[in-house]
């Protein structure tokens, strides 16, 4: 079952969270940076890529110290690609596929 919650994701108890991210797995807002702080080193140390991911991609990592077991990082922007409705739609579709 998919449940939509508008809250501080760092404390949501769920199997997985969807986190909007850049192609370098960086947060897209200061509120999302809180996930890195609460998730601790076990979460933060997974947020490194050797090459930027494309807009529309989604990758799964463990949640570290977060209440959620997994985090699905939906890539909505890169250094060269601004956020767009089409990119967000592709990233959400990829995130839902990974959630399955």
PDB file of N, CA and C in Angstrom:
ATOM      1  N   UNK A   1       0.844  -1.171   0.000  1.00  0.00           N
ATOM      2  CA  UNK A   1       0.000   0.000   0.000  1.00  0.00           C
ATOM      3  C   UNK A   1       0.894   1.240   0.000  1.00  0.00           C
ATOM      4  N   UNK A   2       0.537   2.210  -0.777  1.00  0.00           N
ATOM      5  CA  UNK A   2       1.250   3.484  -0.819  1.00  0.00           C
ATOM      6  C   UNK A   2       0.466   4.486   0.011  1.00  0.00           C
ATOM      7  N   UNK A   3       1.176   5.161   0.911  1.00  0.00           N
ATOM      8  CA  UNK A   3       0.559   6.165   1.768  1.00  0.00           C
ATOM      9  C   UNK A   3       1.310   7.468   1.535  1.00  0.00           C
ATOM     10  N   UNK A   4       0.599   8.540   1.269  1.00  0.00           N
ATOM     11  CA  UNK A   4       1.211   9.848   1.059  1.00  0.00           C
ATOM     12  C   UNK A   4       1.163  10.611   2.377  1.00  0.00           C
ATOM     13  N   UNK A   5       2.330  11.089   2.823  1.00  0.00           N
ATOM     14  CA  UNK A   5       2.439  11.826   4.078  1.00  0.00           C
ATOM     15  C   UNK A   5       3.155  13.141   3.801  1.00  0.00           C
ATOM     16  N   UNK A   6       2.586  14.225   4.281  1.00  0.00           N
ATOM     17  CA  UNK A   6       3.250  15.520   4.191  1.00  0.00           C
ATOM     18  C   UNK A   6       3.716  15.835   5.609  1.00  0.00           C
ATOM     19  N   UNK A   7       5.001  15.636   5.857  1.00  0.00           N
ATOM     20  CA  UNK A   7       5.549  15.775   7.201  1.00  0.00           C
ATOM     21  C   UNK A   7       7.069  15.799   7.090  1.00  0.00           C
ATOM     22  N   UNK A   8       7.748  15.849   8.217  1.00  0.00           N
ATOM     23  CA  UNK A   8       9.196  15.758   8.247  1.00  0.00           C
ATOM     24  C   UNK A   8       9.562  14.305   7.958  1.00  0.00           C
ATOM     25  N   UNK A   9      10.081  14.030   6.770  1.00  0.00           N
ATOM     26  CA  UNK A   9      10.370  12.659   6.348  1.00  0.00           C
ATOM     27  C   UNK A   9      11.362  11.945   7.264  1.00  0.00           C
ATOM     28  N   UNK A  10      12.173  12.697   7.977  1.00  0.00           N
ATOM     29  CA  UNK A  10      13.195  12.083   8.830  1.00  0.00           C
ATOM     30  C   UNK A  10      12.579  11.229   9.935  1.00  0.00           C
ATOM     31  N   UNK A  11      11.315  11.454  10.249  1.00  0.00           N
ATOM     32  CA  UNK A  11      10.704  10.731  11.359  1.00  0.00           C
ATOM     33  C   UNK A  11       9.481   9.911  10.952  1.00  0.00           C
ATOM     34  N   UNK A  12       9.265   9.750   9.652  1.00  0.00           N
ATOM     35  CA  UNK A  12       8.127   8.964   9.176  1.00  0.00           C
ATOM     36  C   UNK A  12       8.473   7.479   9.259  1.00  0.00           C
ATOM     37  N   UNK A  13       7.632   6.728   9.941  1.00  0.00           N
ATOM     38  CA  UNK A  13       7.826   5.286  10.072  1.00  0.00           C
ATOM     39  C   UNK A  13       7.175   4.619   8.866  1.00  0.00           C
ATOM     40  N   UNK A  14       7.991   4.090   7.966  1.00  0.00           N
ATOM     41  CA  UNK A  14       7.494   3.472   6.738  1.00  0.00           C
ATOM     42  C   UNK A  14       8.514   2.454   6.247  1.00  0.00           C
ATOM     43  N   UNK A  15       8.085   1.608   5.334  1.00  0.00           N
ATOM     44  CA  UNK A  15       9.038   0.679   4.718  1.00  0.00           C
ATOM     45  C   UNK A  15      10.058   1.442   3.890  1.00  0.00           C
ATOM     46  N   UNK A  16       9.581   2.469   3.160  1.00  0.00           N
ATOM     47  CA  UNK A  16      10.465   3.260   2.302  1.00  0.00           C
ATOM     48  C   UNK A  16       9.943   4.683   2.180  1.00  0.00           C
ATOM     49  N   UNK A  17      10.860   5.602   1.970  1.00  0.00           N
ATOM     50  CA  UNK A  17      10.543   6.999   1.697  1.00  0.00           C
ATOM     51  C   UNK A  17      11.002   7.325   0.289  1.00  0.00           C
ATOM     52  N   UNK A  18      10.317   8.258  -0.368  1.00  0.00           N
ATOM     53  CA  UNK A  18      10.784   8.773  -1.646  1.00  0.00           C
ATOM     54  C   UNK A  18      11.358  10.161  -1.379  1.00  0.00           C
ATOM     55  N   UNK A  19      12.624  10.320  -1.747  1.00  0.00           N
ATOM     56  CA  UNK A  19      13.356  11.561  -1.510  1.00  0.00           C
ATOM     57  C   UNK A  19      13.742  12.194  -2.838  1.00  0.00           C
ATOM     58  N   UNK A  20      13.216  13.376  -3.159  1.00  0.00           N
ATOM     59  CA  UNK A  20      13.681  14.069  -4.359  1.00  0.00           C
ATOM     60  C   UNK A  20      15.169  14.382  -4.211  1.00  0.00           C
ATOM     61  N   UNK A  21      15.927  14.181  -5.282  1.00  0.00           N
ATOM     62  CA  UNK A  21      17.372  14.387  -5.205  1.00  0.00           C
ATOM     63  C   UNK A  21      17.916  14.899  -6.530  1.00  0.00           C
ATOM     64  N   UNK A  22      19.154  15.389  -6.475  1.00  0.00           N
ATOM     65  CA  UNK A  22      19.857  15.789  -7.689  1.00  0.00           C
ATOM     66  C   UNK A  22      20.545  14.562  -8.283  1.00  0.00           C
ATOM     67  N   UNK A  23      21.109  14.721  -9.435  1.00  0.00           N
ATOM     68  CA  UNK A  23      21.834  13.636 -10.080  1.00  0.00           C
ATOM     69  C   UNK A  23      23.038  13.162  -9.287  1.00  0.00           C
ATOM     70  N   UNK A  24      23.510  13.985  -8.351  1.00  0.00           N
ATOM     71  CA  UNK A  24      24.633  13.614  -7.477  1.00  0.00           C
ATOM     72  C   UNK A  24      24.131  13.106  -6.124  1.00  0.00           C
ATOM     73  N   UNK A  25      22.844  12.810  -6.028  1.00  0.00           N
ATOM     74  CA  UNK A  25      22.179  12.343  -4.803  1.00  0.00           C
ATOM     75  C   UNK A  25      22.210  13.376  -3.679  1.00  0.00           C
ATOM     76  N   UNK A  26      22.285  14.643  -4.053  1.00  0.00           N
ATOM     77  CA  UNK A  26      22.215  15.722  -3.070  1.00  0.00           C
ATOM     78  C   UNK A  26      20.760  16.079  -2.828  1.00  0.00           C
ATOM     79  N   UNK A  27      20.434  16.613  -1.641  1.00  0.00           N
ATOM     80  CA  UNK A  27      19.046  16.999  -1.363  1.00  0.00           C
ATOM     81  C   UNK A  27      18.644  18.203  -2.215  1.00  0.00           C
ATOM     82  N   UNK A  28      17.370  18.325  -2.471  1.00  0.00           N
ATOM     83  CA  UNK A  28      16.867  19.438  -3.283  1.00  0.00           C
ATOM     84  C   UNK A  28      16.339  20.587  -2.429  1.00  0.00           C
ATOM     85  N   UNK A  29      16.340  20.422  -1.106  1.00  0.00           N
ATOM     86  CA  UNK A  29      15.896  21.492  -0.212  1.00  0.00           C
ATOM     87  C   UNK A  29      16.560  21.319   1.151  1.00  0.00           C
ATOM     88  N   UNK A  30      16.619  22.387   1.941  1.00  0.00           N
ATOM     89  CA  UNK A  30      17.182  22.272   3.285  1.00  0.00           C
ATOM     90  C   UNK A  30      16.433  21.252   4.156  1.00  0.00           C
ATOM     91  N   UNK A  31      15.136  21.144   3.978  1.00  0.00           N
ATOM     92  CA  UNK A  31      14.355  20.182   4.766  1.00  0.00           C
ATOM     93  C   UNK A  31      14.811  18.757   4.476  1.00  0.00           C
ATOM     94  N   UNK A  32      15.198  18.477   3.249  1.00  0.00           N
ATOM     95  CA  UNK A  32      15.645  17.124   2.899  1.00  0.00           C
ATOM     96  C   UNK A  32      17.061  16.846   3.396  1.00  0.00           C
ATOM     97  N   UNK A  33      17.830  17.883   3.653  1.00  0.00           N
ATOM     98  CA  UNK A  33      19.164  17.687   4.223  1.00  0.00           C
ATOM     99  C   UNK A  33      19.044  17.079   5.622  1.00  0.00           C
ATOM    100  N   UNK A  34      17.915  17.304   6.277  1.00  0.00           N
ATOM    101  CA  UNK A  34      17.677  16.751   7.610  1.00  0.00           C
ATOM    102  C   UNK A  34      17.720  15.218   7.585  1.00  0.00           C
ATOM    103  N   UNK A  35      17.317  14.620   6.466  1.00  0.00           N
ATOM    104  CA  UNK A  35      17.401  13.162   6.352  1.00  0.00           C
ATOM    105  C   UNK A  35      18.834  12.688   6.535  1.00  0.00           C
ATOM    106  N   UNK A  36      19.785  13.408   5.978  1.00  0.00           N
ATOM    107  CA  UNK A  36      21.197  13.041   6.106  1.00  0.00           C
ATOM    108  C   UNK A  36      21.646  13.103   7.563  1.00  0.00           C
ATOM    109  N   UNK A  37      21.183  14.120   8.278  1.00  0.00           N
ATOM    110  CA  UNK A  37      21.564  14.286   9.679  1.00  0.00           C
ATOM    111  C   UNK A  37      20.967  13.176  10.538  1.00  0.00           C
ATOM    112  N   UNK A  38      19.686  12.924  10.386  1.00  0.00           N
ATOM    113  CA  UNK A  38      19.002  11.919  11.206  1.00  0.00           C
ATOM    114  C   UNK A  38      19.417  10.512  10.786  1.00  0.00           C
ATOM    115  N   UNK A  39      19.636  10.304   9.491  1.00  0.00           N
ATOM    116  CA  UNK A  39      20.027   8.984   8.996  1.00  0.00           C
ATOM    117  C   UNK A  39      21.409   8.564   9.436  1.00  0.00           C
ATOM    118  N   UNK A  40      22.236   9.531   9.818  1.00  0.00           N
ATOM    119  CA  UNK A  40      23.572   9.238  10.328  1.00  0.00           C
ATOM    120  C   UNK A  40      24.526   8.758   9.249  1.00  0.00           C
ATOM    121  N   UNK A  41      25.718   8.370   9.658  1.00  0.00           N
ATOM    122  CA  UNK A  41      26.748   7.939   8.706  1.00  0.00           C
ATOM    123  C   UNK A  41      26.322   6.737   7.861  1.00  0.00           C
ATOM    124  N   UNK A  42      25.556   5.819   8.447  1.00  0.00           N
ATOM    125  CA  UNK A  42      25.118   4.636   7.694  1.00  0.00           C
ATOM    126  C   UNK A  42      24.272   5.030   6.488  1.00  0.00           C
ATOM    127  N   UNK A  43      23.538   6.124   6.593  1.00  0.00           N
ATOM    128  CA  UNK A  43      22.743   6.623   5.466  1.00  0.00           C
ATOM    129  C   UNK A  43      23.593   7.523   4.577  1.00  0.00           C
ATOM    130  N   UNK A  44      24.248   8.512   5.183  1.00  0.00           N
ATOM    131  CA  UNK A  44      25.001   9.511   4.427  1.00  0.00           C
ATOM    132  C   UNK A  44      26.096   8.898   3.555  1.00  0.00           C
ATOM    133  N   UNK A  45      26.768   7.890   4.053  1.00  0.00           N
ATOM    134  CA  UNK A  45      27.883   7.293   3.307  1.00  0.00           C
ATOM    135  C   UNK A  45      27.445   6.576   2.036  1.00  0.00           C
ATOM    136  N   UNK A  46      26.164   6.366   1.859  1.00  0.00           N
ATOM    137  CA  UNK A  46      25.653   5.745   0.630  1.00  0.00           C
ATOM    138  C   UNK A  46      25.363   6.768  -0.468  1.00  0.00           C
ATOM    139  N   UNK A  47      25.442   8.038  -0.135  1.00  0.00           N
ATOM    140  CA  UNK A  47      25.017   9.098  -1.052  1.00  0.00           C
ATOM    141  C   UNK A  47      26.149   9.628  -1.914  1.00  0.00           C
ATOM    142  N   UNK A  48      26.895   8.725  -2.512  1.00  0.00           N
ATOM    143  CA  UNK A  48      28.004   9.127  -3.374  1.00  0.00           C
ATOM    144  C   UNK A  48      27.906   8.372  -4.695  1.00  0.00           C
ATOM    145  N   UNK A  49      28.012   9.115  -5.782  1.00  0.00           N
ATOM    146  CA  UNK A  49      28.018   8.507  -7.112  1.00  0.00           C
ATOM    147  C   UNK A  49      29.265   8.968  -7.843  1.00  0.00           C
ATOM    148  N   UNK A  50      29.767   8.141  -8.728  1.00  0.00           N
ATOM    149  CA  UNK A  50      30.960   8.526  -9.491  1.00  0.00           C
ATOM    150  C   UNK A  50      30.591   9.361 -10.709  1.00  0.00           C
ATOM    151  N   UNK A  51      29.343   9.253 -11.134  1.00  0.00           N
ATOM    152  CA  UNK A  51      28.852  10.009 -12.285  1.00  0.00           C
ATOM    153  C   UNK A  51      27.411  10.397 -12.001  1.00  0.00           C
ATOM    154  N   UNK A  52      27.022  11.633 -12.360  1.00  0.00           N
ATOM    155  CA  UNK A  52      25.654  12.077 -12.122  1.00  0.00           C
ATOM    156  C   UNK A  52      24.638  11.120 -12.740  1.00  0.00           C
ATOM    157  N   UNK A  53      23.577  10.867 -12.009  1.00  0.00           N
ATOM    158  CA  UNK A  53      22.462  10.077 -12.521  1.00  0.00           C
ATOM    159  C   UNK A  53      21.575  10.976 -13.370  1.00  0.00           C
ATOM    160  N   UNK A  54      20.863  10.399 -14.310  1.00  0.00           N
ATOM    161  CA  UNK A  54      19.991  11.165 -15.195  1.00  0.00           C
ATOM    162  C   UNK A  54      18.674  11.514 -14.519  1.00  0.00           C
ATOM    163  N   UNK A  55      18.110  12.648 -14.910  1.00  0.00           N
ATOM    164  CA  UNK A  55      16.769  13.018 -14.454  1.00  0.00           C
ATOM    165  C   UNK A  55      15.815  11.893 -14.864  1.00  0.00           C
ATOM    166  N   UNK A  56      14.968  11.509 -13.929  1.00  0.00           N
ATOM    167  CA  UNK A  56      14.017  10.431 -14.182  1.00  0.00           C
ATOM    168  C   UNK A  56      14.446   9.108 -13.583  1.00  0.00           C
ATOM    169  N   UNK A  57      15.703   9.021 -13.169  1.00  0.00           N
ATOM    170  CA  UNK A  57      16.189   7.788 -12.536  1.00  0.00           C
ATOM    171  C   UNK A  57      15.742   7.750 -11.081  1.00  0.00           C
ATOM    172  N   UNK A  58      15.826   6.559 -10.492  1.00  0.00           N
ATOM    173  CA  UNK A  58      15.571   6.391  -9.060  1.00  0.00           C
ATOM    174  C   UNK A  58      16.458   5.263  -8.555  1.00  0.00           C
ATOM    175  N   UNK A  59      17.057   5.472  -7.399  1.00  0.00           N
ATOM    176  CA  UNK A  59      17.915   4.449  -6.784  1.00  0.00           C
ATOM    177  C   UNK A  59      17.491   4.246  -5.334  1.00  0.00           C
ATOM    178  N   UNK A  60      17.747   3.051  -4.838  1.00  0.00           N
ATOM    179  CA  UNK A  60      17.351   2.686  -3.479  1.00  0.00           C
ATOM    180  C   UNK A  60      18.589   2.535  -2.606  1.00  0.00           C
ATOM    181  N   UNK A  61      18.525   3.100  -1.411  1.00  0.00           N
ATOM    182  CA  UNK A  61      19.563   2.890  -0.409  1.00  0.00           C
ATOM    183  C   UNK A  61      18.892   2.452   0.890  1.00  0.00           C
ATOM    184  N   UNK A  62      19.694   1.946   1.788  1.00  0.00           N
ATOM    185  CA  UNK A  62      19.195   1.643   3.128  1.00  0.00           C
ATOM    186  C   UNK A  62      18.926   2.958   3.860  1.00  0.00           C
ATOM    187  N   UNK A  63      18.071   2.921   4.846  1.00  0.00           N
ATOM    188  CA  UNK A  63      17.680   4.122   5.573  1.00  0.00           C
ATOM    189  C   UNK A  63      18.611   4.518   6.705  1.00  0.00           C
ATOM    190  N   UNK A  64      19.617   3.706   6.996  1.00  0.00           N
ATOM    191  CA  UNK A  64      20.520   4.047   8.101  1.00  0.00           C
ATOM    192  C   UNK A  64      19.750   4.124   9.406  1.00  0.00           C
ATOM    193  N   UNK A  65      19.877   5.244  10.107  1.00  0.00           N
ATOM    194  CA  UNK A  65      19.202   5.431  11.390  1.00  0.00           C
ATOM    195  C   UNK A  65      17.810   6.051  11.256  1.00  0.00           C
ATOM    196  N   UNK A  66      17.308   6.187  10.038  1.00  0.00           N
ATOM    197  CA  UNK A  66      15.956   6.718   9.832  1.00  0.00           C
ATOM    198  C   UNK A  66      14.924   5.697  10.289  1.00  0.00           C
ATOM    199  N   UNK A  67      13.699   6.157  10.506  1.00  0.00           N
ATOM    200  CA  UNK A  67      12.613   5.250  10.876  1.00  0.00           C
ATOM    201  C   UNK A  67      12.230   4.345   9.702  1.00  0.00           C
ATOM    202  N   UNK A  68      12.516   4.768   8.477  1.00  0.00           N
ATOM    203  CA  UNK A  68      12.224   3.974   7.279  1.00  0.00           C
ATOM    204  C   UNK A  68      13.399   3.054   6.967  1.00  0.00           C
ATOM    205  N   UNK A  69      13.092   1.840   6.545  1.00  0.00           N
ATOM    206  CA  UNK A  69      14.148   0.877   6.225  1.00  0.00           C
ATOM    207  C   UNK A  69      14.908   1.249   4.957  1.00  0.00           C
ATOM    208  N   UNK A  70      14.179   1.805   3.971  1.00  0.00           N
ATOM    209  CA  UNK A  70      14.785   2.159   2.689  1.00  0.00           C
ATOM    210  C   UNK A  70      14.437   3.589   2.310  1.00  0.00           C
ATOM    211  N   UNK A  71      15.301   4.190   1.481  1.00  0.00           N
ATOM    212  CA  UNK A  71      15.029   5.498   0.888  1.00  0.00           C
ATOM    213  C   UNK A  71      15.182   5.345  -0.621  1.00  0.00           C
ATOM    214  N   UNK A  72      14.169   5.786  -1.335  1.00  0.00           N
ATOM    215  CA  UNK A  72      14.201   5.776  -2.800  1.00  0.00           C
ATOM    216  C   UNK A  72      14.488   7.205  -3.241  1.00  0.00           C
ATOM    217  N   UNK A  73      15.623   7.402  -3.886  1.00  0.00           N
ATOM    218  CA  UNK A  73      16.059   8.729  -4.311  1.00  0.00           C
ATOM    219  C   UNK A  73      15.582   8.946  -5.743  1.00  0.00           C
ATOM    220  N   UNK A  74      14.642   9.866  -5.919  1.00  0.00           N
ATOM    221  CA  UNK A  74      14.073  10.181  -7.234  1.00  0.00           C
ATOM    222  C   UNK A  74      14.822  11.379  -7.807  1.00  0.00           C
ATOM    223  N   UNK A  75      15.507  11.181  -8.911  1.00  0.00           N
ATOM    224  CA  UNK A  75      16.356  12.229  -9.493  1.00  0.00           C
ATOM    225  C   UNK A  75      15.488  13.185 -10.313  1.00  0.00           C
ATOM    226  N   UNK A  76      15.373  14.434  -9.798  1.00  0.00           N
ATOM    227  CA  UNK A  76      14.504  15.411 -10.464  1.00  0.00           C
ATOM    228  C   UNK A  76      15.270  16.564 -11.100  1.00  0.00           C
ATOM    229  N   UNK A  77      16.581  16.648 -10.841  1.00  0.00           N
ATOM    230  CA  UNK A  77      17.372  17.731 -11.426  1.00  0.00           C
ATOM    231  C   UNK A  77      18.848  17.344 -11.440  1.00  0.00           C
ATOM    232  N   UNK A  78      19.591  17.947 -12.357  1.00  0.00           N
ATOM    233  CA  UNK A  78      21.046  17.801 -12.398  1.00  0.00           C
ATOM    234  C   UNK A  78      21.645  19.186 -12.595  1.00  0.00           C
ATOM    235  N   UNK A  79      22.953  19.246 -12.650  1.00  0.00           N
ATOM    236  CA  UNK A  79      23.610  20.541 -12.890  1.00  0.00           C
ATOM    237  C   UNK A  79      23.196  21.137 -14.236  1.00  0.00           C
ATOM    238  N   UNK A  80      22.837  20.270 -15.182  1.00  0.00           N
ATOM    239  CA  UNK A  80      22.522  20.738 -16.533  1.00  0.00           C
ATOM    240  C   UNK A  80      21.036  20.683 -16.867  1.00  0.00           C
ATOM    241  N   UNK A  81      20.254  20.009 -16.037  1.00  0.00           N
ATOM    242  CA  UNK A  81      18.821  19.854 -16.300  1.00  0.00           C
ATOM    243  C   UNK A  81      18.012  20.405 -15.134  1.00  0.00           C
ATOM    244  N   UNK A  82      17.295  21.506 -15.362  1.00  0.00           N
ATOM    245  CA  UNK A  82      16.478  22.063 -14.281  1.00  0.00           C
ATOM    246  C   UNK A  82      15.262  21.165 -13.990  1.00  0.00           C
ATOM    247  N   UNK A  83      14.633  21.401 -12.878  1.00  0.00           N
ATOM    248  CA  UNK A  83      13.420  20.666 -12.525  1.00  0.00           C
ATOM    249  C   UNK A  83      12.337  20.986 -13.553  1.00  0.00           C
ATOM    250  N   UNK A  84      11.658  19.947 -14.026  1.00  0.00           N
ATOM    251  CA  UNK A  84      10.545  20.126 -14.961  1.00  0.00           C
ATOM    252  C   UNK A  84       9.450  19.138 -14.593  1.00  0.00           C
ATOM    253  N   UNK A  85       8.250  19.410 -15.024  1.00  0.00           N
ATOM    254  CA  UNK A  85       7.145  18.489 -14.707  1.00  0.00           C
ATOM    255  C   UNK A  85       7.377  17.126 -15.360  1.00  0.00           C
ATOM    256  N   UNK A  86       7.935  17.100 -16.551  1.00  0.00           N
ATOM    257  CA  UNK A  86       8.206  15.824 -17.224  1.00  0.00           C
ATOM    258  C   UNK A  86       9.276  15.033 -16.464  1.00  0.00           C
ATOM    259  N   UNK A  87      10.312  15.702 -15.982  1.00  0.00           N
ATOM    260  CA  UNK A  87      11.366  15.037 -15.228  1.00  0.00           C
ATOM    261  C   UNK A  87      10.865  14.493 -13.904  1.00  0.00           C
ATOM    262  N   UNK A  88      10.028  15.272 -13.224  1.00  0.00           N
ATOM    263  CA  UNK A  88       9.455  14.817 -11.953  1.00  0.00           C
ATOM    264  C   UNK A  88       8.551  13.612 -12.202  1.00  0.00           C
ATOM    265  N   UNK A  89       7.780  13.647 -13.260  1.00  0.00           N
ATOM    266  CA  UNK A  89       6.891  12.524 -13.601  1.00  0.00           C
ATOM    267  C   UNK A  89       7.709  11.251 -13.861  1.00  0.00           C
ATOM    268  N   UNK A  90       8.795  11.369 -14.623  1.00  0.00           N
ATOM    269  CA  UNK A  90       9.649  10.202 -14.889  1.00  0.00           C
ATOM    270  C   UNK A  90      10.294   9.679 -13.606  1.00  0.00           C
ATOM    271  N   UNK A  91      10.761  10.596 -12.750  1.00  0.00           N
ATOM    272  CA  UNK A  91      11.391  10.193 -11.490  1.00  0.00           C
ATOM    273  C   UNK A  91      10.388   9.516 -10.566  1.00  0.00           C
ATOM    274  N   UNK A  92       9.172  10.024 -10.506  1.00  0.00           N
ATOM    275  CA  UNK A  92       8.149   9.408  -9.656  1.00  0.00           C
ATOM    276  C   UNK A  92       7.787   8.015 -10.184  1.00  0.00           C
ATOM    277  N   UNK A  93       7.677   7.885 -11.499  1.00  0.00           N
ATOM    278  CA  UNK A  93       7.396   6.569 -12.087  1.00  0.00           C
ATOM    279  C   UNK A  93       8.513   5.590 -11.752  1.00  0.00           C
ATOM    280  N   UNK A  94       9.756   6.033 -11.873  1.00  0.00           N
ATOM    281  CA  UNK A  94      10.898   5.167 -11.532  1.00  0.00           C
ATOM    282  C   UNK A  94      10.894   4.809 -10.052  1.00  0.00           C
ATOM    283  N   UNK A  95      10.570   5.788  -9.193  1.00  0.00           N
ATOM    284  CA  UNK A  95      10.529   5.536  -7.750  1.00  0.00           C
ATOM    285  C   UNK A  95       9.460   4.498  -7.420  1.00  0.00           C
ATOM    286  N   UNK A  96       8.300   4.612  -8.044  1.00  0.00           N
ATOM    287  CA  UNK A  96       7.235   3.634  -7.798  1.00  0.00           C
ATOM    288  C   UNK A  96       7.630   2.244  -8.292  1.00  0.00           C
ATOM    289  N   UNK A  97       8.338   2.180  -9.402  1.00  0.00           N
ATOM    290  CA  UNK A  97       8.827   0.883  -9.892  1.00  0.00           C
ATOM    291  C   UNK A  97       9.813   0.272  -8.908  1.00  0.00           C
ATOM    292  N   UNK A  98      10.694   1.094  -8.341  1.00  0.00           N
ATOM    293  CA  UNK A  98      11.653   0.591  -7.360  1.00  0.00           C
ATOM    294  C   UNK A  98      10.950   0.153  -6.082  1.00  0.00           C
ATOM    295  N   UNK A  99       9.866   0.817  -5.729  1.00  0.00           N
ATOM    296  CA  UNK A  99       9.121   0.476  -4.514  1.00  0.00           C
ATOM    297  C   UNK A  99       8.506  -0.909  -4.584  1.00  0.00           C
ATOM    298  N   UNK A 100       8.174  -1.320  -5.803  1.00  0.00           N
ATOM    299  CA  UNK A 100       7.592  -2.670  -5.983  1.00  0.00           C
ATOM    300  C   UNK A 100       8.610  -3.707  -5.601  1.00  0.00           C
TER     301      UNK A 100
END
